[in-house]
N, C-alpha and C. Protein backbone atom coordinates (compact mmCIF):
# COMPACT_ATOMS: atom_id res chain seq x y z
N MET A 1 0.83 -1.22 0.03
CA MET A 1 -0.05 0.05 -0.02
C MET A 1 0.85 1.27 -0.02
N THR A 2 1.91 1.23 0.89
CA THR A 2 2.76 2.42 0.95
C THR A 2 3.53 2.65 -0.34
N ARG A 3 3.99 1.48 -0.91
CA ARG A 3 4.75 1.59 -2.16
C ARG A 3 3.92 2.20 -3.30
N ALA A 4 2.60 1.78 -3.34
CA ALA A 4 1.71 2.26 -4.42
C ALA A 4 1.50 3.80 -4.20
N ARG A 5 1.31 4.22 -2.96
CA ARG A 5 1.16 5.61 -2.70
C ARG A 5 2.37 6.41 -3.15
N ASP A 6 3.54 5.81 -2.82
CA ASP A 6 4.79 6.53 -3.20
C ASP A 6 4.94 6.60 -4.71
N ILE A 7 4.51 5.61 -5.41
CA ILE A 7 4.61 5.66 -6.87
C ILE A 7 3.75 6.72 -7.40
N LEU A 8 2.56 6.86 -6.93
CA LEU A 8 1.61 7.88 -7.38
C LEU A 8 2.12 9.25 -7.08
N LYS A 9 2.66 9.41 -5.89
CA LYS A 9 3.30 10.73 -5.55
C LYS A 9 4.40 11.04 -6.49
N TRP A 10 5.23 10.06 -6.79
CA TRP A 10 6.35 10.28 -7.66
C TRP A 10 5.83 10.67 -9.08
N HIS A 11 4.79 9.92 -9.51
CA HIS A 11 4.25 10.26 -10.82
C HIS A 11 3.71 11.73 -10.90
N ALA A 12 3.08 12.16 -9.75
CA ALA A 12 2.57 13.50 -9.68
C ALA A 12 3.62 14.62 -9.85
N GLU A 13 4.88 14.22 -9.55
CA GLU A 13 5.95 15.20 -9.59
C GLU A 13 6.65 15.19 -10.94
N LEU A 14 6.26 14.22 -11.80
CA LEU A 14 6.88 14.19 -13.14
C LEU A 14 6.13 15.02 -14.11
N ALA A 15 6.81 15.50 -15.10
CA ALA A 15 6.11 16.07 -16.29
C ALA A 15 5.32 15.02 -16.98
N ARG A 16 4.21 15.40 -17.58
CA ARG A 16 3.29 14.41 -18.17
C ARG A 16 3.96 13.48 -19.16
N GLU A 17 4.85 14.08 -19.97
CA GLU A 17 5.50 13.35 -21.09
C GLU A 17 6.50 12.31 -20.50
N ASP A 18 6.83 12.47 -19.27
CA ASP A 18 7.81 11.54 -18.66
C ASP A 18 7.14 10.33 -17.90
N VAL A 19 5.83 10.33 -17.84
CA VAL A 19 5.16 9.33 -17.10
C VAL A 19 4.95 8.09 -17.92
N GLU A 20 5.22 6.94 -17.34
CA GLU A 20 5.02 5.64 -17.98
C GLU A 20 3.80 4.95 -17.33
N PRO A 21 2.72 4.89 -18.03
CA PRO A 21 1.53 4.34 -17.40
C PRO A 21 1.63 2.89 -16.94
N HIS A 22 1.04 2.58 -15.79
CA HIS A 22 0.95 1.23 -15.36
C HIS A 22 -0.37 1.01 -14.62
N PRO A 23 -0.87 -0.16 -14.47
CA PRO A 23 -2.15 -0.40 -13.79
C PRO A 23 -2.14 0.18 -12.39
N ALA A 24 -3.12 0.97 -12.01
CA ALA A 24 -3.19 1.47 -10.60
C ALA A 24 -4.66 1.17 -10.23
N TYR A 25 -4.95 0.01 -9.61
CA TYR A 25 -6.28 -0.38 -9.37
C TYR A 25 -6.88 0.19 -8.10
N SER A 26 -5.96 0.60 -7.17
CA SER A 26 -6.43 1.25 -5.96
C SER A 26 -6.59 2.73 -6.17
N LEU A 27 -7.64 3.29 -5.65
CA LEU A 27 -7.89 4.75 -5.63
C LEU A 27 -7.37 5.37 -4.38
N TYR A 28 -6.62 6.49 -4.49
CA TYR A 28 -6.09 7.22 -3.37
C TYR A 28 -6.61 8.63 -3.37
N ARG A 29 -7.25 9.04 -2.30
CA ARG A 29 -7.87 10.36 -2.21
C ARG A 29 -7.00 11.46 -2.63
N GLU A 30 -5.68 11.45 -2.19
CA GLU A 30 -4.83 12.52 -2.49
C GLU A 30 -4.39 12.61 -3.97
N SER A 31 -4.75 11.54 -4.69
CA SER A 31 -4.34 11.52 -6.11
C SER A 31 -5.50 11.46 -7.13
N THR A 32 -6.72 11.59 -6.59
CA THR A 32 -7.89 11.28 -7.44
C THR A 32 -8.75 12.55 -7.72
N ALA A 33 -9.29 12.63 -8.92
CA ALA A 33 -10.26 13.64 -9.36
C ALA A 33 -11.44 12.99 -9.99
N LEU A 34 -12.55 13.63 -10.06
CA LEU A 34 -13.74 13.13 -10.74
C LEU A 34 -14.03 14.03 -11.96
N LEU A 35 -14.17 13.29 -13.12
CA LEU A 35 -14.43 14.05 -14.39
C LEU A 35 -15.79 13.65 -14.93
N ILE A 36 -16.67 14.60 -15.11
CA ILE A 36 -17.96 14.40 -15.59
C ILE A 36 -18.12 14.86 -17.01
N VAL A 37 -18.27 13.95 -17.99
CA VAL A 37 -18.21 14.26 -19.39
C VAL A 37 -19.53 14.42 -20.01
N ASP A 38 -19.93 15.64 -20.31
CA ASP A 38 -21.06 16.02 -21.22
C ASP A 38 -22.38 15.39 -20.74
N MET A 39 -22.72 15.48 -19.48
CA MET A 39 -23.99 15.00 -19.00
C MET A 39 -25.00 16.04 -19.17
N GLN A 40 -25.42 16.28 -20.44
CA GLN A 40 -26.31 17.36 -20.79
C GLN A 40 -27.74 16.95 -21.08
N GLU A 41 -28.62 17.88 -20.93
CA GLU A 41 -30.08 17.54 -21.05
C GLU A 41 -30.43 17.11 -22.49
N LYS A 42 -30.14 17.88 -23.46
CA LYS A 42 -30.50 17.56 -24.84
C LYS A 42 -29.87 16.24 -25.30
N LEU A 43 -28.52 16.10 -25.03
CA LEU A 43 -27.90 14.85 -25.40
C LEU A 43 -28.54 13.67 -24.63
N GLY A 44 -28.86 13.88 -23.38
CA GLY A 44 -29.50 12.81 -22.59
C GLY A 44 -30.84 12.40 -23.13
N ALA A 45 -31.51 13.30 -23.79
CA ALA A 45 -32.86 13.03 -24.34
C ALA A 45 -32.80 11.95 -25.43
N ALA A 46 -31.60 11.84 -26.04
CA ALA A 46 -31.36 10.86 -27.10
C ALA A 46 -31.06 9.53 -26.57
N MET A 47 -30.77 9.38 -25.28
CA MET A 47 -30.42 8.16 -24.60
C MET A 47 -31.62 7.29 -24.21
N PRO A 48 -31.53 6.03 -24.01
CA PRO A 48 -32.53 5.20 -23.48
C PRO A 48 -32.87 5.80 -22.08
N GLU A 49 -34.11 5.94 -21.74
CA GLU A 49 -34.54 6.64 -20.53
C GLU A 49 -33.92 6.06 -19.24
N GLU A 50 -34.09 4.75 -19.04
CA GLU A 50 -33.64 4.05 -17.85
C GLU A 50 -32.09 4.17 -17.62
N PRO A 51 -31.29 3.77 -18.68
CA PRO A 51 -29.83 3.93 -18.52
C PRO A 51 -29.38 5.37 -18.21
N PHE A 52 -30.07 6.30 -18.89
CA PHE A 52 -29.67 7.68 -18.67
C PHE A 52 -29.98 8.12 -17.20
N ALA A 53 -31.14 7.77 -16.77
CA ALA A 53 -31.58 8.09 -15.37
C ALA A 53 -30.59 7.45 -14.40
N ARG A 54 -30.15 6.24 -14.64
CA ARG A 54 -29.19 5.56 -13.80
C ARG A 54 -27.85 6.27 -13.80
N ALA A 55 -27.41 6.70 -15.02
CA ALA A 55 -26.18 7.39 -15.08
C ALA A 55 -26.15 8.73 -14.36
N VAL A 56 -27.31 9.44 -14.40
CA VAL A 56 -27.41 10.71 -13.65
C VAL A 56 -27.40 10.47 -12.19
N LYS A 57 -28.17 9.44 -11.71
CA LYS A 57 -28.20 9.07 -10.26
C LYS A 57 -26.84 8.80 -9.76
N ASN A 58 -26.07 7.92 -10.52
CA ASN A 58 -24.73 7.54 -10.08
C ASN A 58 -23.73 8.65 -10.11
N THR A 59 -23.92 9.57 -11.08
CA THR A 59 -23.00 10.74 -11.18
C THR A 59 -23.26 11.63 -9.92
N VAL A 60 -24.48 11.82 -9.57
CA VAL A 60 -24.69 12.62 -8.31
C VAL A 60 -24.10 11.83 -7.08
N ARG A 61 -24.26 10.53 -7.02
CA ARG A 61 -23.54 9.79 -5.91
C ARG A 61 -22.11 9.99 -5.86
N LEU A 62 -21.49 10.02 -7.01
CA LEU A 62 -20.01 10.18 -7.08
C LEU A 62 -19.62 11.67 -6.78
N ILE A 63 -20.52 12.60 -7.14
CA ILE A 63 -20.24 13.95 -6.67
C ILE A 63 -20.23 14.08 -5.18
N GLU A 64 -21.27 13.50 -4.59
CA GLU A 64 -21.37 13.51 -3.11
C GLU A 64 -20.12 12.84 -2.51
N THR A 65 -19.67 11.80 -3.04
CA THR A 65 -18.47 11.12 -2.59
C THR A 65 -17.22 12.04 -2.73
N ALA A 66 -17.09 12.59 -3.91
CA ALA A 66 -15.94 13.55 -4.13
C ALA A 66 -16.02 14.71 -3.20
N ARG A 67 -17.21 15.23 -2.90
CA ARG A 67 -17.33 16.34 -2.01
C ARG A 67 -16.88 16.00 -0.60
N ALA A 68 -17.26 14.78 -0.14
CA ALA A 68 -16.88 14.29 1.16
C ALA A 68 -15.43 14.25 1.40
N PHE A 69 -14.71 13.85 0.29
CA PHE A 69 -13.23 13.65 0.40
C PHE A 69 -12.47 14.82 -0.23
N GLU A 70 -13.18 15.89 -0.62
CA GLU A 70 -12.56 17.08 -1.20
C GLU A 70 -11.75 16.79 -2.39
N LEU A 71 -12.28 15.91 -3.30
CA LEU A 71 -11.68 15.64 -4.56
C LEU A 71 -12.04 16.72 -5.56
N PRO A 72 -11.18 17.11 -6.45
CA PRO A 72 -11.51 18.01 -7.48
C PRO A 72 -12.56 17.40 -8.38
N ILE A 73 -13.58 18.24 -8.73
CA ILE A 73 -14.59 17.78 -9.65
C ILE A 73 -14.50 18.65 -10.98
N LEU A 74 -14.38 17.98 -12.12
CA LEU A 74 -14.30 18.67 -13.41
C LEU A 74 -15.48 18.33 -14.26
N VAL A 75 -16.07 19.35 -14.91
CA VAL A 75 -17.31 19.15 -15.68
C VAL A 75 -17.13 19.74 -17.02
N THR A 76 -17.53 18.96 -18.05
CA THR A 76 -17.48 19.51 -19.46
C THR A 76 -18.89 19.41 -20.10
N GLU A 77 -18.99 20.32 -21.10
CA GLU A 77 -20.20 20.27 -21.91
C GLU A 77 -19.80 20.34 -23.37
N GLN A 78 -20.38 19.51 -24.15
CA GLN A 78 -20.04 19.40 -25.63
C GLN A 78 -21.07 20.36 -26.33
N TYR A 79 -20.54 21.39 -26.98
CA TYR A 79 -21.32 22.29 -27.77
C TYR A 79 -22.62 22.70 -27.07
N ALA A 80 -22.44 23.39 -26.02
CA ALA A 80 -23.65 23.70 -25.16
C ALA A 80 -24.71 24.44 -25.89
N LYS A 81 -24.40 25.23 -26.83
CA LYS A 81 -25.42 25.96 -27.59
C LYS A 81 -26.41 24.95 -28.31
N GLY A 82 -25.87 23.87 -28.72
CA GLY A 82 -26.78 22.91 -29.44
C GLY A 82 -27.32 21.80 -28.53
N LEU A 83 -26.47 21.39 -27.54
CA LEU A 83 -26.82 20.23 -26.75
C LEU A 83 -27.27 20.62 -25.38
N GLY A 84 -27.37 21.93 -25.03
CA GLY A 84 -27.93 22.37 -23.83
C GLY A 84 -27.00 22.23 -22.68
N PRO A 85 -27.44 22.70 -21.40
CA PRO A 85 -26.62 22.68 -20.25
C PRO A 85 -26.60 21.33 -19.66
N THR A 86 -25.75 21.13 -18.64
CA THR A 86 -25.72 19.97 -17.78
C THR A 86 -27.03 19.73 -17.07
N VAL A 87 -27.40 18.49 -16.88
CA VAL A 87 -28.63 18.09 -16.20
C VAL A 87 -28.74 18.87 -14.81
N PRO A 88 -29.88 19.47 -14.55
CA PRO A 88 -30.08 20.18 -13.34
C PRO A 88 -29.70 19.43 -12.08
N ALA A 89 -30.05 18.15 -12.02
CA ALA A 89 -29.76 17.41 -10.75
C ALA A 89 -28.24 17.29 -10.49
N ILE A 90 -27.46 17.27 -11.57
CA ILE A 90 -25.98 17.24 -11.44
C ILE A 90 -25.48 18.59 -11.02
N LEU A 91 -25.94 19.65 -11.73
CA LEU A 91 -25.55 21.00 -11.37
C LEU A 91 -25.86 21.33 -9.95
N GLU A 92 -27.01 20.88 -9.45
CA GLU A 92 -27.40 21.26 -8.03
C GLU A 92 -26.57 20.52 -7.07
N ALA A 93 -25.98 19.38 -7.43
CA ALA A 93 -25.16 18.56 -6.52
C ALA A 93 -23.70 19.07 -6.45
N LEU A 94 -23.32 19.87 -7.40
CA LEU A 94 -21.89 20.31 -7.52
C LEU A 94 -21.63 21.33 -6.40
N PRO A 95 -20.41 21.43 -5.95
CA PRO A 95 -20.05 22.46 -4.98
C PRO A 95 -20.13 23.82 -5.67
N GLU A 96 -20.57 24.78 -4.92
CA GLU A 96 -20.76 26.14 -5.43
C GLU A 96 -19.43 26.61 -6.14
N GLY A 97 -19.63 27.18 -7.34
CA GLY A 97 -18.43 27.74 -8.03
C GLY A 97 -17.66 26.73 -8.85
N THR A 98 -18.17 25.54 -8.95
CA THR A 98 -17.60 24.52 -9.81
C THR A 98 -17.60 24.98 -11.24
N PRO A 99 -16.46 25.11 -11.95
CA PRO A 99 -16.57 25.60 -13.38
C PRO A 99 -17.07 24.47 -14.28
N VAL A 100 -17.80 24.86 -15.25
CA VAL A 100 -18.25 23.98 -16.34
C VAL A 100 -17.54 24.38 -17.63
N VAL A 101 -16.75 23.48 -18.17
CA VAL A 101 -15.85 23.81 -19.31
C VAL A 101 -16.56 23.39 -20.63
N GLU A 102 -16.84 24.35 -21.54
CA GLU A 102 -17.41 23.97 -22.82
C GLU A 102 -16.26 23.55 -23.74
N LYS A 103 -16.63 22.58 -24.61
CA LYS A 103 -15.64 22.10 -25.56
C LYS A 103 -16.42 21.80 -26.89
N MET A 104 -15.56 21.68 -27.95
CA MET A 104 -16.05 21.31 -29.26
C MET A 104 -15.47 20.00 -29.69
N GLY A 105 -14.17 19.75 -29.30
CA GLY A 105 -13.53 18.45 -29.56
C GLY A 105 -14.14 17.43 -28.70
N PHE A 106 -14.16 16.13 -29.13
CA PHE A 106 -14.82 15.04 -28.32
C PHE A 106 -14.04 14.76 -27.06
N SER A 107 -12.65 14.77 -27.12
CA SER A 107 -11.89 14.35 -25.95
C SER A 107 -11.66 15.55 -24.98
N CYS A 108 -11.98 15.21 -23.70
CA CYS A 108 -11.76 16.26 -22.65
C CYS A 108 -10.27 16.43 -22.38
N ALA A 109 -9.52 15.38 -22.74
CA ALA A 109 -8.06 15.49 -22.44
C ALA A 109 -7.37 16.55 -23.34
N GLU A 110 -8.00 16.87 -24.42
CA GLU A 110 -7.46 17.99 -25.31
C GLU A 110 -7.79 19.41 -24.81
N VAL A 111 -8.62 19.47 -23.77
CA VAL A 111 -9.03 20.82 -23.25
C VAL A 111 -8.01 21.22 -22.21
N GLU A 112 -7.38 22.40 -22.43
CA GLU A 112 -6.37 22.92 -21.66
C GLU A 112 -6.74 23.09 -20.18
N ASP A 113 -8.01 23.51 -19.96
CA ASP A 113 -8.51 23.81 -18.57
C ASP A 113 -8.60 22.45 -17.83
N ILE A 114 -8.88 21.38 -18.55
CA ILE A 114 -8.98 20.07 -17.74
C ILE A 114 -7.60 19.59 -17.46
N GLN A 115 -6.71 19.50 -18.41
CA GLN A 115 -5.28 19.11 -18.13
C GLN A 115 -4.70 19.97 -17.04
N GLY A 116 -4.88 21.31 -17.18
CA GLY A 116 -4.27 22.22 -16.23
C GLY A 116 -4.80 21.97 -14.74
N ALA A 117 -6.09 21.69 -14.62
CA ALA A 117 -6.59 21.46 -13.31
C ALA A 117 -6.11 20.18 -12.68
N LEU A 118 -5.98 19.16 -13.51
CA LEU A 118 -5.43 17.91 -13.04
C LEU A 118 -3.99 18.07 -12.59
N GLU A 119 -3.23 18.74 -13.39
CA GLU A 119 -1.79 18.88 -13.13
C GLU A 119 -1.57 19.85 -11.88
N ALA A 120 -2.35 20.93 -11.85
CA ALA A 120 -2.21 21.94 -10.74
C ALA A 120 -2.50 21.21 -9.34
N ARG A 121 -3.38 20.30 -9.37
CA ARG A 121 -3.77 19.62 -8.11
C ARG A 121 -3.00 18.31 -7.91
N HIS A 122 -2.08 18.01 -8.80
CA HIS A 122 -1.26 16.79 -8.74
C HIS A 122 -2.13 15.49 -8.65
N ARG A 123 -3.08 15.52 -9.56
CA ARG A 123 -4.04 14.35 -9.66
C ARG A 123 -3.64 13.44 -10.84
N ARG A 124 -3.25 12.19 -10.46
CA ARG A 124 -2.88 11.23 -11.54
C ARG A 124 -3.90 10.17 -11.77
N GLN A 125 -4.95 10.15 -10.86
CA GLN A 125 -6.04 9.15 -11.03
C GLN A 125 -7.30 9.92 -11.33
N VAL A 126 -8.02 9.49 -12.30
CA VAL A 126 -9.32 10.16 -12.69
C VAL A 126 -10.43 9.18 -12.81
N ILE A 127 -11.44 9.48 -12.02
CA ILE A 127 -12.73 8.70 -12.13
C ILE A 127 -13.60 9.42 -13.26
N VAL A 128 -14.02 8.61 -14.23
CA VAL A 128 -14.73 9.22 -15.36
C VAL A 128 -16.15 8.65 -15.48
N VAL A 129 -17.10 9.56 -15.68
CA VAL A 129 -18.48 9.15 -16.01
C VAL A 129 -18.87 10.13 -17.14
N GLY A 130 -20.00 9.71 -17.90
CA GLY A 130 -20.47 10.65 -18.87
C GLY A 130 -21.11 9.99 -20.05
N GLN A 131 -21.28 10.77 -21.14
CA GLN A 131 -21.85 10.25 -22.34
C GLN A 131 -21.21 10.93 -23.60
N GLU A 132 -21.29 10.33 -24.73
CA GLU A 132 -21.58 8.94 -24.95
C GLU A 132 -20.39 8.03 -24.67
N THR A 133 -20.62 6.87 -24.13
CA THR A 133 -19.54 5.97 -23.70
C THR A 133 -18.57 5.75 -24.86
N HIS A 134 -19.02 5.52 -26.02
CA HIS A 134 -18.14 5.05 -27.15
C HIS A 134 -17.59 6.27 -27.93
N VAL A 135 -17.97 7.54 -27.57
CA VAL A 135 -17.48 8.60 -28.30
C VAL A 135 -16.62 9.54 -27.36
N CYS A 136 -17.25 10.46 -26.67
CA CYS A 136 -16.54 11.44 -25.86
C CYS A 136 -15.88 10.72 -24.65
N VAL A 137 -16.59 9.81 -24.02
CA VAL A 137 -15.95 9.14 -22.80
C VAL A 137 -14.72 8.31 -23.32
N PHE A 138 -14.94 7.45 -24.42
CA PHE A 138 -13.90 6.71 -24.86
C PHE A 138 -12.66 7.50 -25.30
N GLN A 139 -12.87 8.56 -26.13
CA GLN A 139 -11.75 9.35 -26.58
C GLN A 139 -11.05 10.08 -25.42
N THR A 140 -11.85 10.51 -24.49
CA THR A 140 -11.20 11.14 -23.26
C THR A 140 -10.32 10.19 -22.51
N VAL A 141 -10.85 8.96 -22.24
CA VAL A 141 -10.14 7.96 -21.55
C VAL A 141 -8.83 7.50 -22.30
N ARG A 142 -9.05 7.26 -23.57
CA ARG A 142 -7.89 6.93 -24.45
C ARG A 142 -6.78 7.95 -24.33
N ASP A 143 -7.14 9.20 -24.42
CA ASP A 143 -6.07 10.28 -24.41
C ASP A 143 -5.49 10.45 -23.04
N LEU A 144 -6.31 10.31 -21.97
CA LEU A 144 -5.76 10.41 -20.68
C LEU A 144 -4.77 9.27 -20.32
N VAL A 145 -5.13 8.13 -20.74
CA VAL A 145 -4.25 6.95 -20.50
C VAL A 145 -2.92 7.16 -21.27
N GLU A 146 -3.07 7.60 -22.57
CA GLU A 146 -1.82 7.83 -23.33
C GLU A 146 -0.93 8.91 -22.74
N LEU A 147 -1.53 9.84 -22.08
CA LEU A 147 -0.83 11.00 -21.53
C LEU A 147 -0.33 10.70 -20.13
N GLY A 148 -0.64 9.53 -19.59
CA GLY A 148 -0.03 9.17 -18.28
C GLY A 148 -0.95 9.13 -17.10
N TRP A 149 -2.24 9.39 -17.29
CA TRP A 149 -3.14 9.33 -16.12
C TRP A 149 -3.64 7.89 -15.97
N PHE A 150 -4.10 7.59 -14.72
CA PHE A 150 -4.66 6.27 -14.45
C PHE A 150 -6.19 6.46 -14.27
N VAL A 151 -6.97 5.81 -15.11
CA VAL A 151 -8.36 6.10 -15.25
C VAL A 151 -9.25 4.94 -14.72
N HIS A 152 -10.27 5.29 -13.96
CA HIS A 152 -11.27 4.40 -13.50
C HIS A 152 -12.61 4.93 -14.07
N VAL A 153 -13.28 4.01 -14.90
CA VAL A 153 -14.52 4.38 -15.57
C VAL A 153 -15.63 3.73 -14.78
N ALA A 154 -16.50 4.53 -14.19
CA ALA A 154 -17.69 3.96 -13.59
C ALA A 154 -18.73 3.62 -14.68
N ARG A 155 -18.83 2.36 -14.96
CA ARG A 155 -19.66 1.95 -16.08
C ARG A 155 -21.10 2.32 -15.91
N ASP A 156 -21.62 2.31 -14.64
CA ASP A 156 -23.03 2.64 -14.35
C ASP A 156 -23.27 4.14 -14.35
N GLY A 157 -22.20 4.89 -14.59
CA GLY A 157 -22.29 6.32 -14.71
C GLY A 157 -22.14 6.84 -16.14
N CYS A 158 -22.20 5.89 -17.04
CA CYS A 158 -21.95 6.15 -18.46
C CYS A 158 -23.13 5.61 -19.30
N THR A 159 -23.40 6.25 -20.42
CA THR A 159 -24.44 5.77 -21.32
C THR A 159 -24.18 6.14 -22.73
N SER A 160 -24.80 5.36 -23.64
CA SER A 160 -24.83 5.56 -25.07
C SER A 160 -26.27 5.40 -25.57
N ARG A 161 -26.45 5.83 -26.82
CA ARG A 161 -27.73 5.66 -27.41
C ARG A 161 -28.18 4.20 -27.56
N THR A 162 -27.18 3.28 -27.74
CA THR A 162 -27.56 1.85 -27.82
C THR A 162 -26.68 1.10 -26.81
N LYS A 163 -27.23 0.01 -26.33
CA LYS A 163 -26.45 -0.78 -25.38
C LYS A 163 -25.20 -1.39 -26.08
N GLU A 164 -25.27 -1.69 -27.35
CA GLU A 164 -24.15 -2.19 -28.10
C GLU A 164 -23.00 -1.17 -28.08
N ASN A 165 -23.30 0.06 -28.35
CA ASN A 165 -22.26 1.08 -28.35
C ASN A 165 -21.62 1.32 -26.93
N TRP A 166 -22.55 1.24 -25.94
CA TRP A 166 -22.05 1.33 -24.53
C TRP A 166 -21.08 0.21 -24.27
N LYS A 167 -21.36 -0.99 -24.73
CA LYS A 167 -20.43 -2.15 -24.49
C LYS A 167 -19.20 -1.90 -25.32
N VAL A 168 -19.29 -1.42 -26.50
CA VAL A 168 -18.12 -1.25 -27.35
C VAL A 168 -17.18 -0.22 -26.63
N GLY A 169 -17.71 0.87 -26.18
CA GLY A 169 -16.91 1.89 -25.46
C GLY A 169 -16.16 1.24 -24.30
N LEU A 170 -16.88 0.53 -23.48
CA LEU A 170 -16.26 -0.13 -22.27
C LEU A 170 -15.18 -1.08 -22.63
N GLU A 171 -15.43 -1.86 -23.68
CA GLU A 171 -14.42 -2.90 -24.14
C GLU A 171 -13.19 -2.15 -24.72
N LEU A 172 -13.36 -1.07 -25.39
CA LEU A 172 -12.17 -0.36 -25.91
C LEU A 172 -11.41 0.20 -24.73
N MET A 173 -12.04 0.78 -23.79
CA MET A 173 -11.32 1.41 -22.61
C MET A 173 -10.67 0.38 -21.78
N HIS A 174 -11.27 -0.72 -21.62
CA HIS A 174 -10.59 -1.86 -20.84
C HIS A 174 -9.36 -2.28 -21.59
N GLY A 175 -9.41 -2.37 -22.93
CA GLY A 175 -8.25 -2.76 -23.76
C GLY A 175 -7.12 -1.73 -23.64
N LEU A 176 -7.48 -0.55 -23.35
CA LEU A 176 -6.50 0.53 -23.24
C LEU A 176 -5.73 0.49 -21.96
N GLY A 177 -6.32 -0.20 -20.98
CA GLY A 177 -5.70 -0.29 -19.61
C GLY A 177 -6.44 0.49 -18.54
N ALA A 178 -7.55 1.14 -18.94
CA ALA A 178 -8.38 1.77 -17.97
C ALA A 178 -9.02 0.68 -17.05
N THR A 179 -9.31 1.05 -15.79
CA THR A 179 -10.03 0.15 -14.87
C THR A 179 -11.52 0.39 -15.09
N ILE A 180 -12.31 -0.69 -15.51
CA ILE A 180 -13.66 -0.55 -15.63
C ILE A 180 -14.32 -0.87 -14.27
N SER A 181 -14.93 0.10 -13.72
CA SER A 181 -15.37 -0.03 -12.36
C SER A 181 -16.88 0.27 -12.26
N GLY A 182 -17.40 0.52 -11.00
CA GLY A 182 -18.72 0.93 -10.84
C GLY A 182 -18.82 1.88 -9.66
N THR A 183 -19.98 2.53 -9.53
CA THR A 183 -20.13 3.61 -8.58
C THR A 183 -19.90 3.11 -7.13
N GLU A 184 -20.45 1.96 -6.75
CA GLU A 184 -20.30 1.42 -5.40
C GLU A 184 -18.80 1.06 -5.17
N THR A 185 -18.20 0.47 -6.16
CA THR A 185 -16.78 0.03 -6.02
C THR A 185 -15.93 1.28 -5.83
N VAL A 186 -16.15 2.25 -6.56
CA VAL A 186 -15.36 3.56 -6.37
C VAL A 186 -15.59 4.09 -5.02
N LEU A 187 -16.89 4.21 -4.64
CA LEU A 187 -17.20 4.79 -3.38
C LEU A 187 -16.48 4.09 -2.22
N PHE A 188 -16.63 2.79 -2.12
CA PHE A 188 -16.06 2.03 -1.04
C PHE A 188 -14.53 1.93 -1.07
N ASP A 189 -13.93 2.04 -2.31
CA ASP A 189 -12.51 2.06 -2.51
C ASP A 189 -11.95 3.33 -1.83
N LEU A 190 -12.62 4.44 -2.07
CA LEU A 190 -12.20 5.67 -1.48
C LEU A 190 -12.45 5.63 0.07
N LEU A 191 -13.50 5.11 0.43
CA LEU A 191 -13.88 5.08 1.85
C LEU A 191 -12.89 4.20 2.62
N GLN A 192 -12.60 3.05 2.17
CA GLN A 192 -11.54 2.13 2.75
C GLN A 192 -11.98 1.38 4.01
N THR A 193 -12.66 2.09 4.93
CA THR A 193 -13.00 1.50 6.23
C THR A 193 -14.32 2.01 6.74
N ALA A 194 -14.99 1.10 7.51
CA ALA A 194 -16.26 1.52 8.11
C ALA A 194 -15.99 2.47 9.28
N GLU A 195 -14.76 2.59 9.67
CA GLU A 195 -14.44 3.59 10.75
C GLU A 195 -14.28 4.98 10.26
N ASP A 196 -14.33 5.11 8.92
CA ASP A 196 -14.19 6.47 8.40
C ASP A 196 -15.36 7.27 8.85
N PRO A 197 -15.18 8.55 9.21
CA PRO A 197 -16.29 9.40 9.66
C PRO A 197 -17.36 9.58 8.59
N HIS A 198 -17.00 9.38 7.35
CA HIS A 198 -18.00 9.60 6.26
C HIS A 198 -18.77 8.32 5.93
N PHE A 199 -18.45 7.25 6.61
CA PHE A 199 -19.00 5.92 6.25
C PHE A 199 -20.62 5.98 6.37
N LYS A 200 -21.10 6.45 7.39
CA LYS A 200 -22.54 6.37 7.57
C LYS A 200 -23.29 7.18 6.48
N ALA A 201 -22.83 8.34 6.20
CA ALA A 201 -23.52 9.15 5.19
C ALA A 201 -23.36 8.62 3.79
N LEU A 202 -22.12 8.17 3.49
CA LEU A 202 -21.83 7.71 2.10
C LEU A 202 -22.48 6.39 1.80
N SER A 203 -22.51 5.46 2.82
CA SER A 203 -23.13 4.16 2.62
C SER A 203 -24.57 4.31 2.39
N LYS A 204 -25.24 5.33 2.89
CA LYS A 204 -26.71 5.53 2.58
C LYS A 204 -26.93 5.86 1.12
N LEU A 205 -25.92 6.40 0.47
CA LEU A 205 -26.11 6.79 -0.99
C LEU A 205 -26.36 5.56 -1.91
N VAL A 206 -25.91 4.37 -1.46
CA VAL A 206 -26.03 3.23 -2.34
C VAL A 206 -27.03 2.15 -1.82
N ARG A 207 -27.87 2.58 -0.87
CA ARG A 207 -28.89 1.68 -0.39
C ARG A 207 -30.13 1.70 -1.25
C-alpha cells in the first residue's frame, strides 16, 4: 500500500510526457479527481430513458463522494449551444463555483483547462463518467491513458444511445488499460474502512 502511494506521488511530480502508465487499481484520495463528461439535457434526451436516469443518479452519488473527500470535480459540456446545459440534478449537486468547461472536440483530455486542473492539483487518477460511452468518454479515456493518467471508468455512470455502443466503449477502454469499475466500487474504495467518519452518510447513498 505504501509503495503504491509513493509511486503515485512520484508520478505527480513528473512532467506528463515523462510518465510511464501502469495499472493502478487502488484509488487514493490525495491523487484522485472526478471528471463528468457531457452529462447534458438535450444529449441525454437521445439516450434510453432508464440507462440515462441511472447514469445521472450515479453521477450525483459520485459527486457526493468527491465532496466528502474534497476531490476536485471537473465538468465538461459538448457544444452547449446545441446540446444544452448539464442536467439540473447534477448542477445542483456540484459544490458552489464548480466551473463547467465548454468544448467542441470530443476528448476532454485535449481541453487545456482540464489538463491544467489535474496537473495543478497533482491528480494522477481520474474517475470518469459521462456520455456517450463510445465517443466522448472513450476518446477522453484513451487520451488520458496515453498521456499518463490512471483512469477508473464507472460503467453505471456512463451511457450511449444503444447498449451495443455502450459495451463497445467499455471494451475499448478496458483494452487501453483503464479500470472498468462501478459507482459502489469507487465509493467504497475511497472510503476504505467502516471507521471512516464519512461511512454512515456515504453508505446511505447506495442503499
